[in-house]
N, C-alpha and C. Protein backbone atom coordinates (compact mmCIF):
# COMPACT_ATOMS: atom_id res chain seq x y z
N UNK A 1 -90.78 -2.10 -49.36
CA UNK A 1 -89.84 -2.37 -48.50
C UNK A 1 -89.18 -3.13 -49.09
N UNK A 2 -87.85 -3.58 -49.40
CA UNK A 2 -86.77 -4.25 -50.11
C UNK A 2 -86.64 -5.35 -48.79
N UNK A 3 -86.45 -6.87 -48.94
CA UNK A 3 -85.79 -7.55 -48.14
C UNK A 3 -84.38 -7.13 -47.90
N UNK A 4 -83.73 -7.49 -46.65
CA UNK A 4 -82.41 -7.28 -45.85
C UNK A 4 -81.69 -7.84 -47.00
N UNK A 5 -80.97 -8.52 -47.38
CA UNK A 5 -80.43 -9.16 -48.32
C UNK A 5 -80.41 -8.83 -49.99
N UNK A 6 -81.11 -7.94 -50.20
CA UNK A 6 -81.38 -7.47 -51.81
C UNK A 6 -81.00 -5.95 -51.41
N UNK A 7 -80.67 -5.40 -50.87
CA UNK A 7 -80.48 -3.60 -50.85
C UNK A 7 -79.41 -3.64 -51.94
N UNK A 8 -79.29 -2.12 -52.21
CA UNK A 8 -78.56 -1.98 -53.43
C UNK A 8 -77.51 -1.51 -52.48
N UNK A 9 -76.00 -1.72 -52.88
CA UNK A 9 -75.13 -0.99 -52.46
C UNK A 9 -74.54 -0.67 -53.33
N UNK A 10 -73.89 0.62 -52.93
CA UNK A 10 -72.76 1.64 -53.50
C UNK A 10 -71.76 0.77 -53.59
N UNK A 11 -71.33 1.22 -54.87
CA UNK A 11 -69.72 0.95 -55.41
C UNK A 11 -69.12 2.22 -55.71
N UNK A 12 -67.65 2.07 -55.17
CA UNK A 12 -66.92 3.41 -55.62
C UNK A 12 -66.37 3.53 -54.81
N UNK A 13 -65.07 4.94 -54.44
CA UNK A 13 -64.18 5.21 -53.43
C UNK A 13 -64.83 6.42 -52.81
N UNK A 14 -64.66 5.97 -51.58
CA UNK A 14 -64.91 7.02 -49.83
C UNK A 14 -64.09 8.18 -50.19
N UNK A 15 -64.14 8.93 -49.47
CA UNK A 15 -63.82 9.97 -49.53
C UNK A 15 -62.14 10.32 -48.90
N UNK A 16 -62.04 9.33 -48.29
CA UNK A 16 -60.63 9.31 -47.88
C UNK A 16 -59.54 8.39 -48.42
N UNK A 17 -60.41 7.17 -49.20
CA UNK A 17 -59.33 6.52 -50.48
C UNK A 17 -58.99 7.68 -51.56
N UNK A 18 -60.23 8.10 -51.82
CA UNK A 18 -59.99 9.09 -52.95
C UNK A 18 -58.67 9.68 -52.40
N UNK A 19 -58.73 10.69 -51.23
CA UNK A 19 -57.48 11.34 -51.16
C UNK A 19 -56.64 10.63 -51.00
N UNK A 20 -56.55 9.29 -50.32
CA UNK A 20 -55.36 8.71 -50.32
C UNK A 20 -54.35 8.48 -51.60
N UNK A 21 -55.77 7.93 -52.62
CA UNK A 21 -55.15 7.64 -53.98
C UNK A 21 -54.56 9.15 -54.78
N UNK A 22 -55.09 10.36 -54.56
CA UNK A 22 -54.74 11.27 -54.87
C UNK A 22 -53.32 11.51 -54.36
N UNK A 23 -53.19 11.59 -53.01
CA UNK A 23 -51.68 12.02 -52.51
C UNK A 23 -50.63 11.10 -53.21
N UNK A 24 -51.05 10.02 -53.54
CA UNK A 24 -50.04 8.88 -54.18
C UNK A 24 -49.85 9.31 -55.68
N UNK A 25 -50.70 8.97 -56.41
CA UNK A 25 -50.61 9.87 -57.63
C UNK A 25 -49.77 11.18 -57.74
N UNK A 26 -49.73 12.19 -56.81
CA UNK A 26 -49.07 13.28 -56.67
C UNK A 26 -48.14 12.91 -56.60
N UNK A 27 -47.45 12.03 -56.00
CA UNK A 27 -46.19 11.70 -55.34
C UNK A 27 -45.14 10.87 -56.55
N UNK A 28 -46.26 10.18 -57.33
CA UNK A 28 -45.13 9.73 -58.40
C UNK A 28 -45.25 10.64 -59.41
N UNK A 29 -46.08 11.51 -59.55
CA UNK A 29 -45.83 12.54 -60.54
C UNK A 29 -44.94 13.44 -60.29
N UNK A 30 -44.53 13.70 -59.24
CA UNK A 30 -43.11 14.73 -58.40
C UNK A 30 -42.07 13.92 -58.77
N UNK A 31 -42.25 12.62 -58.11
CA UNK A 31 -40.96 11.95 -58.70
C UNK A 31 -40.28 11.99 -60.41
N UNK A 32 -41.27 11.56 -60.71
CA UNK A 32 -41.20 11.40 -62.52
C UNK A 32 -40.63 12.50 -62.90
N UNK A 33 -41.20 13.74 -62.51
CA UNK A 33 -40.89 15.52 -63.19
C UNK A 33 -39.48 15.72 -62.42
N UNK A 34 -39.04 14.95 -61.48
CA UNK A 34 -37.00 15.22 -61.28
C UNK A 34 -36.53 14.21 -61.99
N UNK A 35 -36.79 13.08 -62.26
CA UNK A 35 -36.32 11.79 -63.07
C UNK A 35 -36.23 12.13 -64.86
N UNK A 36 -37.19 12.61 -64.83
CA UNK A 36 -37.45 13.09 -66.33
C UNK A 36 -36.23 13.33 -66.85
N UNK A 37 -35.55 14.69 -66.32
CA UNK A 37 -34.52 15.34 -67.04
C UNK A 37 -33.09 14.75 -67.05
N UNK A 38 -33.01 14.28 -66.22
CA UNK A 38 -31.81 13.00 -65.82
C UNK A 38 -32.03 12.15 -66.67
N UNK A 39 -33.14 11.45 -67.05
CA UNK A 39 -33.14 10.31 -68.01
C UNK A 39 -32.52 10.80 -69.64
N UNK A 40 -33.44 11.98 -69.68
CA UNK A 40 -33.16 12.51 -70.70
C UNK A 40 -31.78 13.20 -71.08
N UNK A 41 -30.94 13.38 -70.24
CA UNK A 41 -29.50 14.01 -70.40
C UNK A 41 -28.93 12.59 -70.40
N UNK A 42 -28.95 11.14 -69.80
CA UNK A 42 -28.39 9.95 -69.73
C UNK A 42 -28.84 9.57 -71.68
N UNK A 43 -29.95 9.78 -71.93
CA UNK A 43 -29.83 9.24 -73.77
C UNK A 43 -29.31 10.22 -74.22
N UNK A 44 -28.90 11.80 -73.78
CA UNK A 44 -28.28 12.64 -74.93
C UNK A 44 -27.01 11.97 -75.26
N UNK A 45 -26.48 11.50 -73.48
CA UNK A 45 -24.91 10.95 -73.81
C UNK A 45 -24.81 9.78 -74.27
N UNK A 46 -25.89 8.96 -74.20
CA UNK A 46 -25.70 7.71 -75.24
C UNK A 46 -25.63 8.45 -76.60
N UNK A 47 -26.81 9.40 -76.74
CA UNK A 47 -26.43 9.77 -78.34
C UNK A 47 -25.23 10.22 -78.89
N UNK A 48 -24.89 10.95 -77.71
CA UNK A 48 -23.11 11.53 -78.07
C UNK A 48 -22.29 10.08 -78.27
N UNK A 49 -22.61 9.06 -77.47
CA UNK A 49 -21.27 8.17 -77.88
C UNK A 49 -21.36 7.75 -79.07
N UNK A 50 -22.58 7.45 -79.67
CA UNK A 50 -23.13 6.47 -81.18
C UNK A 50 -22.59 7.41 -81.77
N UNK A 51 -23.12 8.81 -81.95
CA UNK A 51 -22.19 9.97 -82.79
C UNK A 51 -21.03 9.81 -82.94
N UNK A 52 -20.04 9.97 -82.01
CA UNK A 52 -18.71 9.90 -82.05
C UNK A 52 -17.92 8.16 -82.39
N UNK A 53 -19.33 7.35 -81.90
CA UNK A 53 -18.62 6.11 -82.71
C UNK A 53 -18.68 5.56 -84.41
N UNK A 54 -20.08 6.44 -84.68
CA UNK A 54 -19.66 6.09 -86.16
C UNK A 54 -19.17 7.17 -86.92
N UNK A 55 -18.62 8.21 -86.33
CA UNK A 55 -17.38 9.19 -86.81
C UNK A 55 -16.58 8.50 -86.94
N UNK A 56 -16.02 7.14 -86.40
CA UNK A 56 -14.47 6.47 -86.80
C UNK A 56 -13.37 6.82 -85.83
N UNK A 57 -13.55 8.16 -85.27
CA UNK A 57 -12.52 8.73 -84.48
C UNK A 57 -11.92 7.93 -83.71
N UNK A 58 -10.83 7.24 -83.50
CA UNK A 58 -10.11 6.31 -82.32
C UNK A 58 -8.64 6.66 -81.35
N UNK A 59 -8.64 8.20 -81.85
CA UNK A 59 -7.74 8.87 -80.75
C UNK A 59 -8.32 8.93 -79.33
N UNK A 60 -7.59 8.74 -78.36
CA UNK A 60 -8.25 9.16 -77.34
C UNK A 60 -8.97 10.14 -77.06
N UNK A 61 -7.21 11.51 -77.35
CA UNK A 61 -7.65 13.17 -76.79
C UNK A 61 -9.16 13.54 -77.97
N UNK A 62 -9.03 12.77 -79.06
CA UNK A 62 -10.19 13.71 -80.41
C UNK A 62 -11.65 12.73 -79.71
N UNK A 63 -11.81 11.86 -79.28
CA UNK A 63 -13.02 11.06 -78.72
C UNK A 63 -13.37 12.26 -77.68
N UNK A 64 -12.83 12.81 -76.39
CA UNK A 64 -12.70 13.17 -75.76
C UNK A 64 -13.36 14.71 -75.85
N UNK A 65 -12.47 15.45 -76.91
CA UNK A 65 -12.65 16.82 -77.58
C UNK A 65 -13.81 16.84 -77.94
N UNK A 66 -14.61 15.41 -78.72
CA UNK A 66 -15.87 15.54 -79.84
C UNK A 66 -17.01 15.51 -78.53
N UNK A 67 -16.75 14.62 -77.53
CA UNK A 67 -18.10 14.94 -76.99
C UNK A 67 -17.96 15.79 -75.85
N UNK A 68 -16.81 16.34 -75.72
CA UNK A 68 -16.84 18.06 -74.77
C UNK A 68 -17.77 19.14 -75.49
N UNK A 69 -17.80 19.05 -77.09
CA UNK A 69 -18.17 19.83 -77.92
C UNK A 69 -19.65 19.29 -78.17
N UNK A 70 -19.75 17.97 -78.47
CA UNK A 70 -21.11 17.81 -78.13
C UNK A 70 -22.08 18.19 -77.18
N UNK A 71 -21.36 17.94 -76.13
CA UNK A 71 -22.02 18.10 -74.77
C UNK A 71 -22.34 19.59 -74.50
N UNK A 72 -21.47 20.32 -74.99
CA UNK A 72 -22.31 21.95 -74.92
C UNK A 72 -23.20 22.35 -75.67
N UNK A 73 -22.98 21.57 -76.66
CA UNK A 73 -24.34 21.78 -77.34
C UNK A 73 -25.58 21.12 -77.31
N UNK A 74 -25.50 20.03 -76.31
CA UNK A 74 -26.91 19.11 -76.12
C UNK A 74 -26.94 19.57 -74.47
N UNK A 75 -26.06 20.32 -73.46
CA UNK A 75 -26.35 20.83 -72.34
C UNK A 75 -26.32 19.66 -71.52
N UNK A 76 -25.15 18.69 -72.14
CA UNK A 76 -24.82 18.03 -70.79
C UNK A 76 -23.85 18.07 -69.84
N UNK A 77 -24.61 18.26 -68.74
CA UNK A 77 -23.72 18.75 -67.48
C UNK A 77 -23.03 17.96 -66.58
N UNK A 78 -23.74 16.43 -66.49
CA UNK A 78 -23.25 15.63 -65.61
C UNK A 78 -22.41 14.80 -65.51
N UNK A 79 -21.31 14.41 -67.20
CA UNK A 79 -20.41 14.23 -67.00
C UNK A 79 -19.36 15.31 -68.32
N UNK A 80 -18.35 15.04 -68.27
CA UNK A 80 -17.93 15.23 -69.39
C UNK A 80 -16.80 14.46 -70.03
N UNK A 81 -16.00 14.95 -70.85
CA UNK A 81 -14.85 14.31 -71.85
C UNK A 81 -13.68 13.47 -70.92
N UNK A 82 -13.43 14.22 -69.72
CA UNK A 82 -12.59 13.23 -68.96
C UNK A 82 -13.11 12.30 -68.67
N UNK A 83 -14.36 11.93 -67.90
CA UNK A 83 -15.23 10.99 -67.10
C UNK A 83 -15.26 9.72 -68.54
N UNK A 84 -15.02 10.16 -69.25
CA UNK A 84 -15.45 9.05 -70.71
C UNK A 84 -14.15 8.08 -70.58
N UNK A 85 -14.33 6.70 -70.63
CA UNK A 85 -13.03 6.00 -70.12
C UNK A 85 -13.38 5.04 -71.77
N UNK A 86 -12.00 4.98 -71.98
CA UNK A 86 -11.38 5.41 -73.55
C UNK A 86 -10.74 4.14 -73.42
N UNK A 87 -10.72 2.63 -74.00
CA UNK A 87 -10.11 2.10 -74.15
C UNK A 87 -9.58 1.15 -75.21
N UNK A 88 -8.35 0.48 -75.64
CA UNK A 88 -7.72 0.10 -77.23
C UNK A 88 -9.19 -1.46 -76.64
N UNK A 89 -9.72 -2.10 -77.66
CA UNK A 89 -10.47 -3.64 -78.05
C UNK A 89 -9.62 -3.85 -78.77
N UNK A 90 -10.16 -5.06 -79.42
CA UNK A 90 -9.83 -5.86 -80.71
C UNK A 90 -10.09 -4.30 -81.92
N UNK A 91 -9.28 -4.46 -82.77
CA UNK A 91 -9.82 -3.75 -83.97
C UNK A 91 -10.46 -2.22 -83.69
N UNK A 92 -10.18 -2.01 -82.40
CA UNK A 92 -11.30 -0.84 -82.28
C UNK A 92 -10.43 0.14 -80.99
N UNK A 93 -11.40 0.81 -80.55
CA UNK A 93 -11.52 1.35 -79.23
C UNK A 93 -13.03 1.50 -78.54
N UNK A 94 -13.22 1.23 -77.60
CA UNK A 94 -14.58 1.04 -76.55
C UNK A 94 -14.38 2.31 -75.73
N UNK A 95 -15.82 2.69 -75.69
CA UNK A 95 -15.96 4.08 -74.70
C UNK A 95 -17.02 3.82 -74.03
N UNK A 96 -16.88 4.18 -72.71
CA UNK A 96 -17.39 3.58 -71.51
C UNK A 96 -17.85 4.59 -70.46
N UNK A 97 -18.66 5.19 -69.99
CA UNK A 97 -19.19 6.15 -69.14
C UNK A 97 -19.93 4.97 -67.87
N UNK A 98 -19.69 5.76 -66.70
CA UNK A 98 -20.23 5.71 -65.46
C UNK A 98 -20.69 6.73 -64.28
N UNK A 99 -21.95 7.04 -64.16
CA UNK A 99 -21.56 8.49 -63.26
C UNK A 99 -23.41 8.09 -62.46
N UNK A 100 -23.35 8.78 -60.97
CA UNK A 100 -24.23 8.56 -60.66
C UNK A 100 -25.39 9.77 -60.15
N UNK A 101 -26.23 9.91 -60.25
CA UNK A 101 -27.21 11.59 -60.25
C UNK A 101 -27.78 10.93 -59.16
N UNK A 102 -27.43 11.69 -58.17
CA UNK A 102 -28.94 12.06 -56.54
C UNK A 102 -29.83 13.10 -56.63
N UNK A 103 -30.95 12.40 -56.77
CA UNK A 103 -32.30 13.62 -56.56
C UNK A 103 -32.87 13.63 -55.03
N UNK A 104 -32.49 14.60 -54.46
CA UNK A 104 -33.69 14.83 -52.97
C UNK A 104 -34.90 14.98 -53.58
N UNK A 105 -35.72 14.40 -52.66
CA UNK A 105 -36.98 14.19 -52.76
C UNK A 105 -37.61 15.35 -51.90
N UNK A 106 -37.41 14.18 -50.04
CA UNK A 106 -38.09 15.49 -49.06
C UNK A 106 -37.23 15.38 -48.25
N UNK A 107 -36.88 15.90 -47.44
CA UNK A 107 -35.73 15.85 -46.35
C UNK A 107 -34.46 15.10 -46.62
N UNK A 108 -34.65 14.02 -45.54
CA UNK A 108 -33.42 13.47 -45.78
C UNK A 108 -33.87 11.98 -47.16
N UNK A 109 -34.78 12.06 -47.45
CA UNK A 109 -34.74 11.02 -48.52
C UNK A 109 -34.52 11.58 -50.31
N UNK A 110 -33.53 10.90 -50.71
CA UNK A 110 -32.83 10.85 -51.94
C UNK A 110 -33.31 9.83 -52.97
N UNK A 111 -33.38 10.29 -53.85
CA UNK A 111 -33.04 8.96 -54.85
C UNK A 111 -31.64 8.95 -55.90
N UNK A 112 -31.19 7.63 -55.70
CA UNK A 112 -29.89 7.80 -56.43
C UNK A 112 -29.92 6.73 -57.78
N UNK A 113 -29.80 7.79 -58.87
CA UNK A 113 -30.06 6.61 -60.13
C UNK A 113 -28.48 6.37 -60.72
N UNK A 114 -27.80 5.34 -61.20
CA UNK A 114 -27.08 5.00 -61.59
C UNK A 114 -27.08 4.57 -62.98
N UNK A 115 -26.05 5.49 -63.55
CA UNK A 115 -26.46 5.17 -65.14
C UNK A 115 -25.09 4.80 -65.80
N UNK A 116 -24.96 3.94 -66.78
CA UNK A 116 -23.87 3.82 -67.30
C UNK A 116 -24.04 3.39 -68.71
N UNK A 117 -23.18 3.61 -70.03
CA UNK A 117 -23.73 2.82 -71.10
C UNK A 117 -21.70 2.83 -72.09
N UNK A 118 -21.90 2.27 -72.95
CA UNK A 118 -20.82 2.34 -74.13
C UNK A 118 -20.44 2.13 -75.41
N UNK A 119 -20.25 2.14 -76.21
CA UNK A 119 -19.99 2.38 -77.25
C UNK A 119 -18.62 1.43 -78.39
N UNK A 120 -18.44 1.16 -79.16
CA UNK A 120 -17.54 0.59 -79.76
C UNK A 120 -17.37 1.19 -81.02
N UNK A 121 -15.98 1.77 -81.22
CA UNK A 121 -15.32 2.82 -82.94
C UNK A 121 -14.62 1.49 -83.07
N UNK A 122 -15.28 0.98 -84.01
CA UNK A 122 -14.56 -0.10 -85.28
C UNK A 122 -14.57 -1.20 -84.36
N UNK A 123 -14.71 -2.55 -85.50
CA UNK A 123 -14.50 -3.56 -84.89
C UNK A 123 -15.66 -4.07 -84.95
N UNK A 124 -16.35 -5.01 -84.57
CA UNK A 124 -17.51 -6.08 -84.18
C UNK A 124 -18.43 -4.56 -83.42
N UNK A 125 -19.74 -4.84 -83.64
CA UNK A 125 -20.56 -3.92 -82.63
C UNK A 125 -20.52 -4.77 -81.62
N UNK A 126 -20.74 -3.94 -80.53
CA UNK A 126 -20.68 -4.34 -79.14
C UNK A 126 -22.20 -4.27 -78.84
């Protein structure tokens, strides 16, 4: 018989804490699966702007047209060429965008993501 102070104690998770951990992990995976497509689309928009910026095109109509062509190929649906903000800056053109993406989670709960970015055609890099 062991003395009272020297009993072996088991370490680890109880069933309830394992279930709570599992539910939390599943919730994170579900949110990640819903956010990932919008993040990939945002990166595709950024790549499209970089591609247009390296082309050297400075006409706003040509920039909008080029973006719409790239968006059709890259399957970009959240933003179109008409949503781009094309402004003249010193020695070039600045192209920027901003949009929100609302992702429904469960019932009245949703996640709102605010995406924005820009690129510069000609002149010093931004």
